[in-house]
Amino acid sequence: MSSVITVRGIDPGDKSWLKREAREIGVSMEEFVRRLIREQRERAERRTRPSEVFERFFGPEHGVDLPPPARYGYRPVVFAGEDEA
């Protein structure tokens, strides 16, 4: 499976840097960009999510029962003295 992406408007200084870095390690600019993207994706996937940190310090093994993950939707605000619709 081959995907194509075209990036227009790259700063000339950035393009020179890409060309120089790719030449230094002996790969094409395309391969160098592929490697940069792959490295960034892998780094992002390894990043610890805030919920994981919270679980580590306040989880069941520390005596805290955390509620299960949930998605919260829109709930209208009801002020005191108003009837709920």
PDB file of N, CA and C in Angstrom:
ATOM      1  N   MET A   1       0.846  -1.168   0.000  1.00  0.00           N
ATOM      2  CA  MET A   1       0.000   0.000   0.000  1.00  0.00           C
ATOM      3  C   MET A   1       0.894   1.235   0.000  1.00  0.00           C
ATOM      4  N   SER A   2       0.703   2.055  -0.968  1.00  0.00           N
ATOM      5  CA  SER A   2       1.526   3.250  -1.096  1.00  0.00           C
ATOM      6  C   SER A   2       0.649   4.483  -0.963  1.00  0.00           C
ATOM      7  N   SER A   3       1.077   5.385  -0.118  1.00  0.00           N
ATOM      8  CA  SER A   3       0.358   6.649   0.055  1.00  0.00           C
ATOM      9  C   SER A   3       1.246   7.780  -0.422  1.00  0.00           C
ATOM     10  N   VAL A   4       0.616   8.801  -0.953  1.00  0.00           N
ATOM     11  CA  VAL A   4       1.364   9.945  -1.447  1.00  0.00           C
ATOM     12  C   VAL A   4       0.868  11.173  -0.706  1.00  0.00           C
ATOM     13  N   ILE A   5       1.802  12.004  -0.297  1.00  0.00           N
ATOM     14  CA  ILE A   5       1.461  13.259   0.339  1.00  0.00           C
ATOM     15  C   ILE A   5       2.351  14.334  -0.272  1.00  0.00           C
ATOM     16  N   THR A   6       1.772  15.469  -0.568  1.00  0.00           N
ATOM     17  CA  THR A   6       2.524  16.592  -1.118  1.00  0.00           C
ATOM     18  C   THR A   6       2.464  17.723  -0.113  1.00  0.00           C
ATOM     19  N   VAL A   7       3.599  18.263   0.238  1.00  0.00           N
ATOM     20  CA  VAL A   7       3.648  19.374   1.181  1.00  0.00           C
ATOM     21  C   VAL A   7       4.167  20.589   0.427  1.00  0.00           C
ATOM     22  N   ARG A   8       3.331  21.587   0.338  1.00  0.00           N
ATOM     23  CA  ARG A   8       3.713  22.810  -0.374  1.00  0.00           C
ATOM     24  C   ARG A   8       4.085  23.887   0.636  1.00  0.00           C
ATOM     25  N   GLY A   9       4.834  24.850   0.180  1.00  0.00           N
ATOM     26  CA  GLY A   9       5.139  26.015   1.000  1.00  0.00           C
ATOM     27  C   GLY A   9       6.133  25.750   2.121  1.00  0.00           C
ATOM     28  N   ILE A  10       7.012  24.787   1.941  1.00  0.00           N
ATOM     29  CA  ILE A  10       8.032  24.521   2.950  1.00  0.00           C
ATOM     30  C   ILE A  10       9.046  25.654   2.920  1.00  0.00           C
ATOM     31  N   ASP A  11       9.382  26.136   4.079  1.00  0.00           N
ATOM     32  CA  ASP A  11      10.369  27.205   4.203  1.00  0.00           C
ATOM     33  C   ASP A  11      11.679  26.747   3.553  1.00  0.00           C
ATOM     34  N   PRO A  12      12.322  27.580   2.753  1.00  0.00           N
ATOM     35  CA  PRO A  12      13.577  27.197   2.105  1.00  0.00           C
ATOM     36  C   PRO A  12      14.647  26.742   3.100  1.00  0.00           C
ATOM     37  N   GLY A  13      14.694  27.364   4.269  1.00  0.00           N
ATOM     38  CA  GLY A  13      15.657  26.956   5.281  1.00  0.00           C
ATOM     39  C   GLY A  13      15.370  25.552   5.791  1.00  0.00           C
ATOM     40  N   ASP A  14      14.082  25.235   5.956  1.00  0.00           N
ATOM     41  CA  ASP A  14      13.702  23.890   6.405  1.00  0.00           C
ATOM     42  C   ASP A  14      14.041  22.852   5.342  1.00  0.00           C
ATOM     43  N   LYS A  15      13.802  23.215   4.089  1.00  0.00           N
ATOM     44  CA  LYS A  15      14.096  22.284   2.999  1.00  0.00           C
ATOM     45  C   LYS A  15      15.604  22.028   2.913  1.00  0.00           C
ATOM     46  N   SER A  16      16.391  23.072   3.084  1.00  0.00           N
ATOM     47  CA  SER A  16      17.854  22.907   3.074  1.00  0.00           C
ATOM     48  C   SER A  16      18.297  22.008   4.211  1.00  0.00           C
ATOM     49  N   TRP A  17      17.699  22.209   5.375  1.00  0.00           N
ATOM     50  CA  TRP A  17      18.033  21.379   6.531  1.00  0.00           C
ATOM     51  C   TRP A  17      17.695  19.916   6.256  1.00  0.00           C
ATOM     52  N   LEU A  18      16.485  19.660   5.705  1.00  0.00           N
ATOM     53  CA  LEU A  18      16.088  18.285   5.378  1.00  0.00           C
ATOM     54  C   LEU A  18      17.091  17.651   4.417  1.00  0.00           C
ATOM     55  N   LYS A  19      17.434  18.396   3.386  1.00  0.00           N
ATOM     56  CA  LYS A  19      18.360  17.882   2.373  1.00  0.00           C
ATOM     57  C   LYS A  19      19.713  17.561   3.001  1.00  0.00           C
ATOM     58  N   ARG A  20      20.221  18.461   3.818  1.00  0.00           N
ATOM     59  CA  ARG A  20      21.528  18.281   4.460  1.00  0.00           C
ATOM     60  C   ARG A  20      21.515  17.083   5.428  1.00  0.00           C
ATOM     61  N   GLU A  21      20.462  16.980   6.254  1.00  0.00           N
ATOM     62  CA  GLU A  21      20.372  15.878   7.220  1.00  0.00           C
ATOM     63  C   GLU A  21      20.244  14.530   6.505  1.00  0.00           C
ATOM     64  N   ALA A  22      19.436  14.494   5.451  1.00  0.00           N
ATOM     65  CA  ALA A  22      19.263  13.250   4.697  1.00  0.00           C
ATOM     66  C   ALA A  22      20.577  12.821   4.058  1.00  0.00           C
ATOM     67  N   ARG A  23      21.292  13.778   3.483  1.00  0.00           N
ATOM     68  CA  ARG A  23      22.575  13.473   2.846  1.00  0.00           C
ATOM     69  C   ARG A  23      23.576  12.948   3.873  1.00  0.00           C
ATOM     70  N   GLU A  24      23.558  13.547   5.079  1.00  0.00           N
ATOM     71  CA  GLU A  24      24.488  13.145   6.133  1.00  0.00           C
ATOM     72  C   GLU A  24      24.334  11.689   6.532  1.00  0.00           C
ATOM     73  N   ILE A  25      23.085  11.196   6.557  1.00  0.00           N
ATOM     74  CA  ILE A  25      22.891   9.794   6.951  1.00  0.00           C
ATOM     75  C   ILE A  25      22.739   8.872   5.743  1.00  0.00           C
ATOM     76  N   GLY A  26      22.826   9.443   4.553  1.00  0.00           N
ATOM     77  CA  GLY A  26      22.852   8.632   3.338  1.00  0.00           C
ATOM     78  C   GLY A  26      21.518   8.101   2.878  1.00  0.00           C
ATOM     79  N   VAL A  27      20.446   8.884   3.074  1.00  0.00           N
ATOM     80  CA  VAL A  27      19.123   8.466   2.591  1.00  0.00           C
ATOM     81  C   VAL A  27      18.508   9.613   1.796  1.00  0.00           C
ATOM     82  N   SER A  28      17.426   9.298   1.095  1.00  0.00           N
ATOM     83  CA  SER A  28      16.740  10.344   0.340  1.00  0.00           C
ATOM     84  C   SER A  28      15.970  11.249   1.306  1.00  0.00           C
ATOM     85  N   MET A  29      15.587  12.409   0.817  1.00  0.00           N
ATOM     86  CA  MET A  29      14.783  13.311   1.645  1.00  0.00           C
ATOM     87  C   MET A  29      13.461  12.644   2.011  1.00  0.00           C
ATOM     88  N   GLU A  30      12.881  11.913   1.067  1.00  0.00           N
ATOM     89  CA  GLU A  30      11.621  11.212   1.344  1.00  0.00           C
ATOM     90  C   GLU A  30      11.787  10.219   2.486  1.00  0.00           C
ATOM     91  N   GLU A  31      12.849   9.425   2.433  1.00  0.00           N
ATOM     92  CA  GLU A  31      13.092   8.442   3.491  1.00  0.00           C
ATOM     93  C   GLU A  31      13.349   9.131   4.823  1.00  0.00           C
ATOM     94  N   PHE A  32      14.058  10.232   4.792  1.00  0.00           N
ATOM     95  CA  PHE A  32      14.342  10.974   6.017  1.00  0.00           C
ATOM     96  C   PHE A  32      13.042  11.471   6.645  1.00  0.00           C
ATOM     97  N   VAL A  33      12.137  12.020   5.828  1.00  0.00           N
ATOM     98  CA  VAL A  33      10.848  12.510   6.335  1.00  0.00           C
ATOM     99  C   VAL A  33      10.018  11.342   6.860  1.00  0.00           C
ATOM    100  N   ARG A  34      10.017  10.200   6.165  1.00  0.00           N
ATOM    101  CA  ARG A  34       9.297   9.018   6.655  1.00  0.00           C
ATOM    102  C   ARG A  34       9.789   8.629   8.042  1.00  0.00           C
ATOM    103  N   ARG A  35      11.106   8.657   8.220  1.00  0.00           N
ATOM    104  CA  ARG A  35      11.685   8.295   9.521  1.00  0.00           C
ATOM    105  C   ARG A  35      11.297   9.297  10.600  1.00  0.00           C
ATOM    106  N   LEU A  36      11.302  10.587  10.257  1.00  0.00           N
ATOM    107  CA  LEU A  36      10.889  11.610  11.218  1.00  0.00           C
ATOM    108  C   LEU A  36       9.443  11.391  11.668  1.00  0.00           C
ATOM    109  N   ILE A  37       8.574  11.132  10.710  1.00  0.00           N
ATOM    110  CA  ILE A  37       7.162  10.905  11.023  1.00  0.00           C
ATOM    111  C   ILE A  37       7.006   9.669  11.897  1.00  0.00           C
ATOM    112  N   ARG A  38       7.677   8.585  11.540  1.00  0.00           N
ATOM    113  CA  ARG A  38       7.587   7.342  12.310  1.00  0.00           C
ATOM    114  C   ARG A  38       8.073   7.554  13.739  1.00  0.00           C
ATOM    115  N   GLU A  39       9.200   8.252  13.911  1.00  0.00           N
ATOM    116  CA  GLU A  39       9.739   8.515  15.248  1.00  0.00           C
ATOM    117  C   GLU A  39       8.760   9.328  16.091  1.00  0.00           C
ATOM    118  N   GLN A  40       8.161  10.346  15.485  1.00  0.00           N
ATOM    119  CA  GLN A  40       7.207  11.184  16.218  1.00  0.00           C
ATOM    120  C   GLN A  40       5.965  10.392  16.612  1.00  0.00           C
ATOM    121  N   ARG A  41       5.476   9.550  15.692  1.00  0.00           N
ATOM    122  CA  ARG A  41       4.303   8.734  15.993  1.00  0.00           C
ATOM    123  C   ARG A  41       4.586   7.776  17.134  1.00  0.00           C
ATOM    124  N   GLU A  42       5.750   7.103  17.082  1.00  0.00           N
ATOM    125  CA  GLU A  42       6.107   6.156  18.142  1.00  0.00           C
ATOM    126  C   GLU A  42       6.276   6.866  19.478  1.00  0.00           C
ATOM    127  N   ARG A  43       6.848   8.054  19.462  1.00  0.00           N
ATOM    128  CA  ARG A  43       7.015   8.825  20.694  1.00  0.00           C
ATOM    129  C   ARG A  43       5.655   9.197  21.264  1.00  0.00           C
ATOM    130  N   ALA A  44       4.727   9.610  20.406  1.00  0.00           N
ATOM    131  CA  ALA A  44       3.384   9.989  20.856  1.00  0.00           C
ATOM    132  C   ALA A  44       2.641   8.785  21.426  1.00  0.00           C
ATOM    133  N   GLU A  45       2.824   7.618  20.829  1.00  0.00           N
ATOM    134  CA  GLU A  45       2.151   6.413  21.314  1.00  0.00           C
ATOM    135  C   GLU A  45       2.688   5.965  22.665  1.00  0.00           C
ATOM    136  N   ARG A  46       3.946   6.267  22.953  1.00  0.00           N
ATOM    137  CA  ARG A  46       4.554   5.875  24.231  1.00  0.00           C
ATOM    138  C   ARG A  46       4.238   6.857  25.352  1.00  0.00           C
ATOM    139  N   ARG A  47       3.756   8.040  25.005  1.00  0.00           N
ATOM    140  CA  ARG A  47       3.485   9.087  25.995  1.00  0.00           C
ATOM    141  C   ARG A  47       2.448   8.605  27.010  1.00  0.00           C
ATOM    142  N   THR A  48       2.697   8.871  28.266  1.00  0.00           N
ATOM    143  CA  THR A  48       1.781   8.475  29.318  1.00  0.00           C
ATOM    144  C   THR A  48       0.600   9.431  29.357  1.00  0.00           C
ATOM    145  N   ARG A  49      -0.601   8.859  29.370  1.00  0.00           N
ATOM    146  CA  ARG A  49      -1.806   9.676  29.447  1.00  0.00           C
ATOM    147  C   ARG A  49      -2.051  10.091  30.893  1.00  0.00           C
ATOM    148  N   PRO A  50      -2.641  11.258  31.120  1.00  0.00           N
ATOM    149  CA  PRO A  50      -2.925  11.700  32.488  1.00  0.00           C
ATOM    150  C   PRO A  50      -3.732  10.681  33.285  1.00  0.00           C
ATOM    151  N   SER A  51      -4.674  10.004  32.633  1.00  0.00           N
ATOM    152  CA  SER A  51      -5.483   9.007  33.343  1.00  0.00           C
ATOM    153  C   SER A  51      -4.622   7.854  33.857  1.00  0.00           C
ATOM    154  N   GLU A  52      -3.574   7.502  33.111  1.00  0.00           N
ATOM    155  CA  GLU A  52      -2.677   6.427  33.556  1.00  0.00           C
ATOM    156  C   GLU A  52      -1.872   6.859  34.779  1.00  0.00           C
ATOM    157  N   VAL A  53      -1.450   8.109  34.817  1.00  0.00           N
ATOM    158  CA  VAL A  53      -0.708   8.617  35.967  1.00  0.00           C
ATOM    159  C   VAL A  53      -1.620   8.637  37.189  1.00  0.00           C
ATOM    160  N   PHE A  54      -2.844   9.111  37.012  1.00  0.00           N
ATOM    161  CA  PHE A  54      -3.804   9.172  38.106  1.00  0.00           C
ATOM    162  C   PHE A  54      -4.051   7.771  38.654  1.00  0.00           C
ATOM    163  N   GLU A  55      -4.245   6.816  37.774  1.00  0.00           N
ATOM    164  CA  GLU A  55      -4.473   5.416  38.171  1.00  0.00           C
ATOM    165  C   GLU A  55      -3.281   4.883  38.966  1.00  0.00           C
ATOM    166  N   ARG A  56      -2.080   5.239  38.538  1.00  0.00           N
ATOM    167  CA  ARG A  56      -0.868   4.745  39.203  1.00  0.00           C
ATOM    168  C   ARG A  56      -0.781   5.231  40.648  1.00  0.00           C
ATOM    169  N   PHE A  57      -1.185   6.471  40.903  1.00  0.00           N
ATOM    170  CA  PHE A  57      -1.049   7.039  42.245  1.00  0.00           C
ATOM    171  C   PHE A  57      -2.301   6.937  43.107  1.00  0.00           C
ATOM    172  N   PHE A  58      -3.475   6.791  42.473  1.00  0.00           N
ATOM    173  CA  PHE A  58      -4.719   6.788  43.244  1.00  0.00           C
ATOM    174  C   PHE A  58      -5.588   5.576  42.948  1.00  0.00           C
ATOM    175  N   GLY A  59      -5.037   4.532  42.396  1.00  0.00           N
ATOM    176  CA  GLY A  59      -5.814   3.355  42.026  1.00  0.00           C
ATOM    177  C   GLY A  59      -6.200   2.501  43.221  1.00  0.00           C
ATOM    178  N   PRO A  60      -6.830   1.354  42.956  1.00  0.00           N
ATOM    179  CA  PRO A  60      -7.296   0.448  44.009  1.00  0.00           C
ATOM    180  C   PRO A  60      -6.188   0.007  44.973  1.00  0.00           C
ATOM    181  N   GLU A  61      -4.975  -0.154  44.470  1.00  0.00           N
ATOM    182  CA  GLU A  61      -3.887  -0.577  45.349  1.00  0.00           C
ATOM    183  C   GLU A  61      -3.503   0.505  46.362  1.00  0.00           C
ATOM    184  N   HIS A  62      -4.037   1.710  46.183  1.00  0.00           N
ATOM    185  CA  HIS A  62      -3.793   2.806  47.121  1.00  0.00           C
ATOM    186  C   HIS A  62      -5.058   3.161  47.903  1.00  0.00           C
ATOM    187  N   GLY A  63      -6.059   2.272  47.839  1.00  0.00           N
ATOM    188  CA  GLY A  63      -7.280   2.479  48.607  1.00  0.00           C
ATOM    189  C   GLY A  63      -8.286   3.434  47.993  1.00  0.00           C
ATOM    190  N   VAL A  64      -8.157   3.743  46.710  1.00  0.00           N
ATOM    191  CA  VAL A  64      -9.092   4.659  46.063  1.00  0.00           C
ATOM    192  C   VAL A  64      -9.808   3.922  44.942  1.00  0.00           C
ATOM    193  N   ASP A  65     -11.127   3.904  45.016  1.00  0.00           N
ATOM    194  CA  ASP A  65     -11.922   3.297  43.945  1.00  0.00           C
ATOM    195  C   ASP A  65     -12.275   4.384  42.942  1.00  0.00           C
ATOM    196  N   LEU A  66     -11.644   4.338  41.801  1.00  0.00           N
ATOM    197  CA  LEU A  66     -11.904   5.331  40.768  1.00  0.00           C
ATOM    198  C   LEU A  66     -13.121   4.921  39.959  1.00  0.00           C
ATOM    199  N   PRO A  67     -13.941   5.885  39.550  1.00  0.00           N
ATOM    200  CA  PRO A  67     -15.093   5.530  38.713  1.00  0.00           C
ATOM    201  C   PRO A  67     -14.614   5.048  37.347  1.00  0.00           C
ATOM    202  N   PRO A  68     -15.411   4.223  36.700  1.00  0.00           N
ATOM    203  CA  PRO A  68     -15.009   3.752  35.368  1.00  0.00           C
ATOM    204  C   PRO A  68     -14.968   4.921  34.389  1.00  0.00           C
ATOM    205  N   PRO A  69     -14.114   4.828  33.367  1.00  0.00           N
ATOM    206  CA  PRO A  69     -14.057   5.904  32.375  1.00  0.00           C
ATOM    207  C   PRO A  69     -15.428   6.097  31.733  1.00  0.00           C
ATOM    208  N   ALA A  70     -15.819   7.323  31.544  1.00  0.00           N
ATOM    209  CA  ALA A  70     -17.116   7.614  30.929  1.00  0.00           C
ATOM    210  C   ALA A  70     -16.984   8.831  30.028  1.00  0.00           C
ATOM    211  N   ARG A  71     -17.867   8.912  29.099  1.00  0.00           N
ATOM    212  CA  ARG A  71     -17.928  10.086  28.235  1.00  0.00           C
ATOM    213  C   ARG A  71     -19.104  10.928  28.711  1.00  0.00           C
ATOM    214  N   TYR A  72     -18.856  12.205  28.830  1.00  0.00           N
ATOM    215  CA  TYR A  72     -19.901  13.085  29.322  1.00  0.00           C
ATOM    216  C   TYR A  72     -20.426  13.921  28.179  1.00  0.00           C
ATOM    217  N   GLY A  73     -21.721  13.988  28.089  1.00  0.00           N
ATOM    218  CA  GLY A  73     -22.349  14.777  27.044  1.00  0.00           C
ATOM    219  C   GLY A  73     -22.871  16.073  27.606  1.00  0.00           C
ATOM    220  N   TYR A  74     -23.598  16.777  26.815  1.00  0.00           N
ATOM    221  CA  TYR A  74     -24.162  18.065  27.205  1.00  0.00           C
ATOM    222  C   TYR A  74     -25.329  17.832  28.155  1.00  0.00           C
ATOM    223  N   ARG A  75     -25.311  18.518  29.262  1.00  0.00           N
ATOM    224  CA  ARG A  75     -26.438  18.513  30.195  1.00  0.00           C
ATOM    225  C   ARG A  75     -26.797  19.963  30.466  1.00  0.00           C
ATOM    226  N   PRO A  76     -28.055  20.339  30.211  1.00  0.00           N
ATOM    227  CA  PRO A  76     -28.436  21.736  30.433  1.00  0.00           C
ATOM    228  C   PRO A  76     -28.343  22.098  31.917  1.00  0.00           C
ATOM    229  N   VAL A  77     -28.018  23.338  32.177  1.00  0.00           N
ATOM    230  CA  VAL A  77     -27.913  23.835  33.542  1.00  0.00           C
ATOM    231  C   VAL A  77     -29.315  24.136  34.055  1.00  0.00           C
ATOM    232  N   VAL A  78     -29.622  23.664  35.262  1.00  0.00           N
ATOM    233  CA  VAL A  78     -30.898  23.956  35.895  1.00  0.00           C
ATOM    234  C   VAL A  78     -30.595  24.761  37.145  1.00  0.00           C
ATOM    235  N   PHE A  79     -31.153  25.965  37.230  1.00  0.00           N
ATOM    236  CA  PHE A  79     -30.929  26.835  38.364  1.00  0.00           C
ATOM    237  C   PHE A  79     -31.947  26.554  39.466  1.00  0.00           C
ATOM    238  N   ALA A  80     -31.571  26.845  40.692  1.00  0.00           N
ATOM    239  CA  ALA A  80     -32.477  26.634  41.825  1.00  0.00           C
ATOM    240  C   ALA A  80     -33.776  27.386  41.595  1.00  0.00           C
ATOM    241  N   GLY A  81     -34.877  26.733  41.882  1.00  0.00           N
ATOM    242  CA  GLY A  81     -36.181  27.370  41.718  1.00  0.00           C
ATOM    243  C   GLY A  81     -36.807  27.148  40.354  1.00  0.00           C
ATOM    244  N   GLU A  82     -36.044  26.630  39.406  1.00  0.00           N
ATOM    245  CA  GLU A  82     -36.599  26.338  38.081  1.00  0.00           C
ATOM    246  C   GLU A  82     -37.067  24.900  38.052  1.00  0.00           C
ATOM    247  N   ASP A  83     -38.118  24.654  37.316  1.00  0.00           N
ATOM    248  CA  ASP A  83     -38.582  23.281  37.147  1.00  0.00           C
ATOM    249  C   ASP A  83     -37.757  22.620  36.065  1.00  0.00           C
ATOM    250  N   GLU A  84     -37.430  21.353  36.286  1.00  0.00           N
ATOM    251  CA  GLU A  84     -36.709  20.612  35.259  1.00  0.00           C
ATOM    252  C   GLU A  84     -37.661  20.287  34.127  1.00  0.00           C
ATOM    253  N   ALA A  85     -37.187  20.396  32.927  1.00  0.00           N
ATOM    254  CA  ALA A  85     -38.039  20.142  31.767  1.00  0.00           C
ATOM    255  C   ALA A  85     -38.106  18.678  31.451  1.00  0.00           C
TER     256      ALA A  85
END
